[in-house]
N, C-alpha and C. Protein backbone atom coordinates (compact mmCIF):
# COMPACT_ATOMS: atom_id res chain seq x y z
N UNK A 1 -9.60 5.71 -6.44
CA UNK A 1 -9.80 4.36 -6.91
C UNK A 1 -11.28 4.12 -7.18
N UNK A 2 -11.51 3.27 -8.17
CA UNK A 2 -12.88 2.86 -8.47
C UNK A 2 -13.37 1.90 -7.40
N UNK A 3 -14.68 1.78 -7.29
CA UNK A 3 -15.29 0.84 -6.35
C UNK A 3 -14.91 -0.58 -6.75
N UNK A 4 -14.45 -1.36 -5.80
CA UNK A 4 -14.02 -2.73 -6.07
C UNK A 4 -15.03 -3.70 -5.48
N UNK A 5 -15.45 -4.65 -6.28
CA UNK A 5 -16.42 -5.65 -5.83
C UNK A 5 -15.75 -6.97 -5.48
N UNK A 6 -14.60 -7.25 -6.09
CA UNK A 6 -13.91 -8.52 -5.87
C UNK A 6 -12.45 -8.26 -5.56
N UNK A 7 -11.78 -9.30 -5.09
CA UNK A 7 -10.34 -9.19 -4.83
C UNK A 7 -9.60 -8.86 -6.12
N UNK A 8 -10.05 -9.42 -7.22
CA UNK A 8 -9.44 -9.12 -8.52
C UNK A 8 -9.58 -7.65 -8.86
N UNK A 9 -10.76 -7.08 -8.59
CA UNK A 9 -10.98 -5.65 -8.83
C UNK A 9 -10.00 -4.81 -8.02
N UNK A 10 -9.79 -5.20 -6.78
CA UNK A 10 -8.87 -4.46 -5.91
C UNK A 10 -7.47 -4.51 -6.50
N UNK A 11 -7.06 -5.66 -6.96
CA UNK A 11 -5.73 -5.80 -7.57
C UNK A 11 -5.59 -4.94 -8.82
N UNK A 12 -6.62 -4.93 -9.66
CA UNK A 12 -6.58 -4.10 -10.87
C UNK A 12 -6.56 -2.61 -10.51
N UNK A 13 -7.37 -2.24 -9.53
CA UNK A 13 -7.39 -0.83 -9.11
C UNK A 13 -6.05 -0.40 -8.55
N UNK A 14 -5.44 -1.26 -7.75
CA UNK A 14 -4.13 -0.94 -7.19
C UNK A 14 -3.09 -0.80 -8.30
N UNK A 15 -3.12 -1.71 -9.26
CA UNK A 15 -2.18 -1.62 -10.39
C UNK A 15 -2.39 -0.32 -11.16
N UNK A 16 -3.64 0.04 -11.40
CA UNK A 16 -3.94 1.31 -12.09
C UNK A 16 -3.42 2.50 -11.28
N UNK A 17 -3.62 2.46 -9.98
CA UNK A 17 -3.16 3.54 -9.12
C UNK A 17 -1.64 3.66 -9.17
N UNK A 18 -0.94 2.54 -9.09
CA UNK A 18 0.53 2.57 -9.15
C UNK A 18 1.00 3.09 -10.50
N UNK A 19 0.33 2.68 -11.57
CA UNK A 19 0.67 3.21 -12.90
C UNK A 19 0.44 4.72 -12.96
N UNK A 20 -0.65 5.17 -12.36
CA UNK A 20 -0.96 6.61 -12.31
C UNK A 20 0.14 7.36 -11.55
N UNK A 21 0.54 6.83 -10.42
CA UNK A 21 1.60 7.47 -9.63
C UNK A 21 2.91 7.51 -10.42
N UNK A 22 3.24 6.42 -11.09
CA UNK A 22 4.45 6.39 -11.91
C UNK A 22 4.40 7.44 -13.02
N UNK A 23 3.23 7.60 -13.62
CA UNK A 23 3.06 8.60 -14.67
C UNK A 23 3.24 10.01 -14.09
N UNK A 24 2.66 10.27 -12.93
CA UNK A 24 2.83 11.59 -12.29
C UNK A 24 4.31 11.88 -12.03
N UNK A 25 5.03 10.88 -11.56
CA UNK A 25 6.46 11.06 -11.30
C UNK A 25 7.20 11.33 -12.60
N UNK A 26 6.90 10.57 -13.64
CA UNK A 26 7.54 10.77 -14.94
C UNK A 26 7.26 12.16 -15.50
N UNK A 27 6.06 12.66 -15.23
CA UNK A 27 5.68 14.00 -15.71
C UNK A 27 6.17 15.10 -14.79
N UNK A 28 6.90 14.72 -13.76
CA UNK A 28 7.43 15.68 -12.77
C UNK A 28 6.32 16.51 -12.14
N UNK A 29 5.29 15.81 -11.71
CA UNK A 29 4.16 16.47 -11.04
C UNK A 29 4.64 17.14 -9.76
N UNK A 30 3.92 18.14 -9.34
CA UNK A 30 4.27 18.86 -8.12
C UNK A 30 4.08 17.94 -6.91
N UNK A 31 4.77 18.27 -5.83
CA UNK A 31 4.61 17.51 -4.59
C UNK A 31 3.16 17.56 -4.12
N UNK A 32 2.53 18.69 -4.33
CA UNK A 32 1.12 18.84 -3.92
C UNK A 32 0.23 17.85 -4.68
N UNK A 33 0.46 17.72 -5.97
CA UNK A 33 -0.34 16.80 -6.77
C UNK A 33 -0.05 15.35 -6.37
N UNK A 34 1.23 15.04 -6.14
CA UNK A 34 1.58 13.69 -5.71
C UNK A 34 0.95 13.37 -4.36
N UNK A 35 1.02 14.33 -3.43
CA UNK A 35 0.42 14.09 -2.13
C UNK A 35 -1.09 13.97 -2.23
N UNK A 36 -1.68 14.71 -3.14
CA UNK A 36 -3.13 14.59 -3.34
C UNK A 36 -3.55 13.17 -3.69
N UNK A 37 -2.68 12.45 -4.36
CA UNK A 37 -3.01 11.07 -4.75
C UNK A 37 -2.94 10.11 -3.57
N UNK A 38 -2.08 10.37 -2.59
CA UNK A 38 -1.96 9.46 -1.45
C UNK A 38 -2.57 10.03 -0.17
N UNK A 39 -2.81 11.32 -0.14
CA UNK A 39 -3.26 11.99 1.07
C UNK A 39 -4.73 11.86 1.38
N UNK A 40 -5.54 11.49 0.39
CA UNK A 40 -6.97 11.35 0.60
C UNK A 40 -7.32 9.90 0.88
N UNK A 41 -8.03 9.68 1.96
CA UNK A 41 -8.35 8.31 2.36
C UNK A 41 -9.34 7.66 1.41
N UNK A 42 -8.99 6.48 0.91
CA UNK A 42 -9.95 5.74 0.08
C UNK A 42 -11.01 5.11 0.98
N UNK A 43 -12.17 4.80 0.43
CA UNK A 43 -13.20 4.13 1.24
C UNK A 43 -12.66 2.80 1.77
N UNK A 44 -13.09 2.44 2.95
CA UNK A 44 -12.70 1.14 3.49
C UNK A 44 -13.37 0.04 2.69
N UNK A 45 -12.65 -1.02 2.49
CA UNK A 45 -13.14 -2.15 1.71
C UNK A 45 -13.94 -3.09 2.59
N UNK A 46 -13.56 -3.17 3.85
CA UNK A 46 -14.23 -4.07 4.78
C UNK A 46 -13.46 -5.35 5.02
N UNK A 47 -12.38 -5.52 4.31
CA UNK A 47 -11.48 -6.64 4.52
C UNK A 47 -10.25 -6.06 5.23
N UNK A 48 -9.95 -6.52 6.44
CA UNK A 48 -8.89 -5.92 7.25
C UNK A 48 -7.54 -5.92 6.54
N UNK A 49 -7.20 -7.00 5.87
CA UNK A 49 -5.91 -7.08 5.17
C UNK A 49 -5.87 -6.05 4.05
N UNK A 50 -6.91 -5.98 3.27
CA UNK A 50 -6.92 -5.04 2.14
C UNK A 50 -6.93 -3.60 2.61
N UNK A 51 -7.67 -3.31 3.67
CA UNK A 51 -7.69 -1.94 4.20
C UNK A 51 -6.31 -1.54 4.73
N UNK A 52 -5.64 -2.45 5.41
CA UNK A 52 -4.30 -2.18 5.91
C UNK A 52 -3.30 -2.06 4.74
N UNK A 53 -3.49 -2.89 3.73
CA UNK A 53 -2.59 -2.88 2.57
C UNK A 53 -2.63 -1.54 1.85
N UNK A 54 -3.84 -0.99 1.68
CA UNK A 54 -3.95 0.31 1.01
C UNK A 54 -3.23 1.40 1.81
N UNK A 55 -3.33 1.33 3.13
CA UNK A 55 -2.62 2.30 3.97
C UNK A 55 -1.12 2.12 3.83
N UNK A 56 -0.66 0.88 3.81
CA UNK A 56 0.77 0.62 3.66
C UNK A 56 1.28 1.15 2.32
N UNK A 57 0.51 0.97 1.27
CA UNK A 57 0.89 1.48 -0.04
C UNK A 57 1.04 3.00 0.01
N UNK A 58 0.06 3.67 0.59
CA UNK A 58 0.10 5.14 0.66
C UNK A 58 1.32 5.62 1.45
N UNK A 59 1.59 4.99 2.57
CA UNK A 59 2.73 5.40 3.40
C UNK A 59 4.05 5.09 2.68
N UNK A 60 4.12 3.93 2.06
CA UNK A 60 5.34 3.56 1.33
C UNK A 60 5.62 4.56 0.20
N UNK A 61 4.59 4.91 -0.55
CA UNK A 61 4.78 5.89 -1.63
C UNK A 61 5.16 7.26 -1.07
N UNK A 62 4.52 7.67 0.00
CA UNK A 62 4.86 8.95 0.62
C UNK A 62 6.32 8.96 1.06
N UNK A 63 6.76 7.88 1.68
CA UNK A 63 8.17 7.79 2.10
C UNK A 63 9.11 7.81 0.91
N UNK A 64 8.80 7.04 -0.09
CA UNK A 64 9.65 6.94 -1.27
C UNK A 64 9.76 8.27 -2.01
N UNK A 65 8.65 9.01 -2.07
CA UNK A 65 8.60 10.27 -2.82
C UNK A 65 8.86 11.49 -1.93
N UNK A 66 9.22 11.24 -0.66
CA UNK A 66 9.51 12.33 0.30
C UNK A 66 8.33 13.29 0.44
N UNK A 67 7.14 12.69 0.63
CA UNK A 67 5.91 13.45 0.81
C UNK A 67 5.50 13.40 2.28
N UNK A 68 4.61 14.30 2.69
CA UNK A 68 4.11 14.23 4.06
C UNK A 68 3.39 12.89 4.32
N UNK A 69 3.37 12.51 5.57
CA UNK A 69 2.71 11.27 5.99
C UNK A 69 1.20 11.42 5.82
N UNK A 70 0.54 10.48 5.14
CA UNK A 70 -0.92 10.54 5.01
C UNK A 70 -1.56 10.12 6.34
N UNK A 71 -2.13 11.05 7.05
CA UNK A 71 -2.63 10.81 8.41
C UNK A 71 -3.68 9.71 8.49
N UNK A 72 -4.49 9.58 7.47
CA UNK A 72 -5.54 8.57 7.47
C UNK A 72 -4.96 7.16 7.60
N UNK A 73 -3.74 6.98 7.13
CA UNK A 73 -3.12 5.65 7.11
C UNK A 73 -2.71 5.17 8.49
N UNK A 74 -2.79 6.05 9.49
CA UNK A 74 -2.38 5.68 10.84
C UNK A 74 -3.57 5.26 11.71
N UNK A 75 -4.76 5.22 11.14
CA UNK A 75 -5.95 4.80 11.90
C UNK A 75 -5.84 3.33 12.31
N UNK A 76 -6.42 3.02 13.45
CA UNK A 76 -6.40 1.65 13.95
C UNK A 76 -7.01 0.67 12.94
N UNK A 77 -8.03 1.11 12.23
CA UNK A 77 -8.69 0.22 11.26
C UNK A 77 -7.82 -0.04 10.03
N UNK A 78 -6.69 0.63 9.94
CA UNK A 78 -5.76 0.44 8.82
C UNK A 78 -4.52 -0.35 9.24
N UNK A 79 -4.63 -1.04 10.37
CA UNK A 79 -3.56 -1.89 10.90
C UNK A 79 -4.16 -3.25 11.28
N UNK A 80 -3.34 -4.27 11.16
CA UNK A 80 -3.80 -5.61 11.53
C UNK A 80 -3.37 -5.95 12.96
N UNK A 81 -4.22 -6.66 13.66
CA UNK A 81 -3.86 -7.13 15.00
C UNK A 81 -2.96 -8.34 14.92
N UNK A 82 -3.17 -9.19 13.93
CA UNK A 82 -2.36 -10.40 13.76
C UNK A 82 -1.57 -10.30 12.47
N UNK A 83 -0.38 -10.87 12.45
CA UNK A 83 0.44 -10.82 11.23
C UNK A 83 -0.24 -11.53 10.06
N UNK A 84 -0.03 -10.96 8.88
CA UNK A 84 -0.50 -11.55 7.63
C UNK A 84 0.71 -11.72 6.73
N UNK A 85 0.88 -12.90 6.16
CA UNK A 85 2.01 -13.20 5.30
C UNK A 85 1.53 -13.44 3.87
N UNK A 86 2.18 -12.78 2.93
CA UNK A 86 1.81 -12.91 1.52
C UNK A 86 2.04 -14.31 0.99
N UNK A 87 3.01 -15.00 1.55
CA UNK A 87 3.29 -16.39 1.16
C UNK A 87 2.94 -17.28 2.34
N UNK A 88 2.10 -18.28 2.12
CA UNK A 88 1.61 -19.09 3.24
C UNK A 88 2.61 -20.08 3.82
N UNK A 89 3.67 -20.38 3.10
CA UNK A 89 4.62 -21.39 3.55
C UNK A 89 5.44 -20.91 4.73
N UNK A 90 5.60 -21.77 5.71
CA UNK A 90 6.35 -21.44 6.92
C UNK A 90 7.79 -21.05 6.58
N UNK A 91 8.40 -21.72 5.61
CA UNK A 91 9.79 -21.43 5.25
C UNK A 91 9.96 -20.00 4.74
N UNK A 92 8.91 -19.39 4.22
CA UNK A 92 9.00 -18.05 3.63
C UNK A 92 8.86 -16.94 4.68
N UNK A 93 8.40 -17.26 5.85
CA UNK A 93 8.12 -16.22 6.84
C UNK A 93 9.36 -15.41 7.22
N UNK A 94 10.47 -16.07 7.45
CA UNK A 94 11.70 -15.34 7.82
C UNK A 94 12.10 -14.39 6.70
N UNK A 95 11.97 -14.84 5.48
CA UNK A 95 12.30 -14.02 4.32
C UNK A 95 11.38 -12.80 4.25
N UNK A 96 10.08 -13.02 4.45
CA UNK A 96 9.11 -11.92 4.40
C UNK A 96 9.31 -10.95 5.58
N UNK A 97 9.60 -11.49 6.75
CA UNK A 97 9.87 -10.63 7.90
C UNK A 97 11.06 -9.71 7.63
N UNK A 98 12.05 -10.24 6.96
CA UNK A 98 13.26 -9.47 6.65
C UNK A 98 13.04 -8.46 5.53
N UNK A 99 12.31 -8.83 4.49
CA UNK A 99 12.25 -8.03 3.26
C UNK A 99 11.05 -7.09 3.14
N UNK A 100 10.07 -7.23 3.97
CA UNK A 100 8.88 -6.37 3.86
C UNK A 100 9.25 -4.91 4.06
N UNK A 101 8.76 -4.02 3.20
CA UNK A 101 8.99 -2.59 3.41
C UNK A 101 8.43 -2.15 4.76
N UNK A 102 9.05 -1.15 5.37
CA UNK A 102 8.68 -0.69 6.71
C UNK A 102 7.20 -0.34 6.83
N UNK A 103 6.65 0.34 5.84
CA UNK A 103 5.23 0.74 5.91
C UNK A 103 4.31 -0.47 6.03
N UNK A 104 4.73 -1.59 5.48
CA UNK A 104 3.95 -2.82 5.56
C UNK A 104 4.16 -3.50 6.92
N UNK A 105 5.42 -3.62 7.33
CA UNK A 105 5.72 -4.24 8.63
C UNK A 105 4.99 -3.52 9.76
N UNK A 106 4.95 -2.18 9.69
CA UNK A 106 4.29 -1.39 10.74
C UNK A 106 2.80 -1.71 10.84
N UNK A 107 2.23 -2.25 9.81
CA UNK A 107 0.81 -2.59 9.79
C UNK A 107 0.58 -4.09 9.90
N UNK A 108 1.65 -4.82 10.25
CA UNK A 108 1.60 -6.27 10.45
C UNK A 108 1.37 -7.03 9.15
N UNK A 109 1.80 -6.44 8.05
CA UNK A 109 1.72 -7.07 6.72
C UNK A 109 3.13 -7.47 6.32
N UNK A 110 3.29 -8.68 5.86
CA UNK A 110 4.61 -9.15 5.47
C UNK A 110 4.55 -9.67 4.05
N UNK A 111 5.24 -8.95 3.19
CA UNK A 111 5.19 -9.22 1.76
C UNK A 111 6.59 -9.08 1.17
N UNK A 112 6.72 -9.36 -0.09
CA UNK A 112 8.03 -9.24 -0.73
C UNK A 112 8.40 -7.77 -0.90
N UNK A 113 9.69 -7.50 -0.98
CA UNK A 113 10.14 -6.12 -1.11
C UNK A 113 9.71 -5.49 -2.43
N UNK A 114 9.40 -6.29 -3.42
CA UNK A 114 8.99 -5.78 -4.73
C UNK A 114 7.47 -5.84 -4.93
N UNK A 115 6.71 -5.86 -3.83
CA UNK A 115 5.27 -6.00 -3.91
C UNK A 115 4.60 -4.89 -4.73
N UNK A 116 5.22 -3.73 -4.80
CA UNK A 116 4.63 -2.61 -5.54
C UNK A 116 5.32 -2.34 -6.87
N UNK A 117 6.17 -3.27 -7.28
CA UNK A 117 6.88 -3.08 -8.53
C UNK A 117 5.93 -3.19 -9.71
N UNK A 118 6.06 -2.25 -10.62
CA UNK A 118 5.29 -2.28 -11.86
C UNK A 118 6.28 -2.15 -13.01
N UNK A 119 6.15 -2.99 -13.99
CA UNK A 119 7.07 -2.96 -15.14
C UNK A 119 6.87 -1.72 -15.96
């Protein structure tokens, strides 16, 4: 990923990364190449939610693509101590608790099940 200066940059970089992963899958890239994309730890951003989110993305993709677990994603600095909800409304919490992918829940991140969907 490119260096991100703003939250918007992080979002664009993540979208680019997901598009890159989708392209690798479409091109039937080797498991080694796919793991290379998620297996190398990105620099920490310094925002606990964003650092945990990147780890959750890597683990979710590894699980989905049947790749080895990226060890860097299990570091304490890649997990939140307090829950974070993608939607701030109290009514949405039960929905997010239920629908968040496992890799996100394990890091105390609660988001929609389609958080990584790219058209």
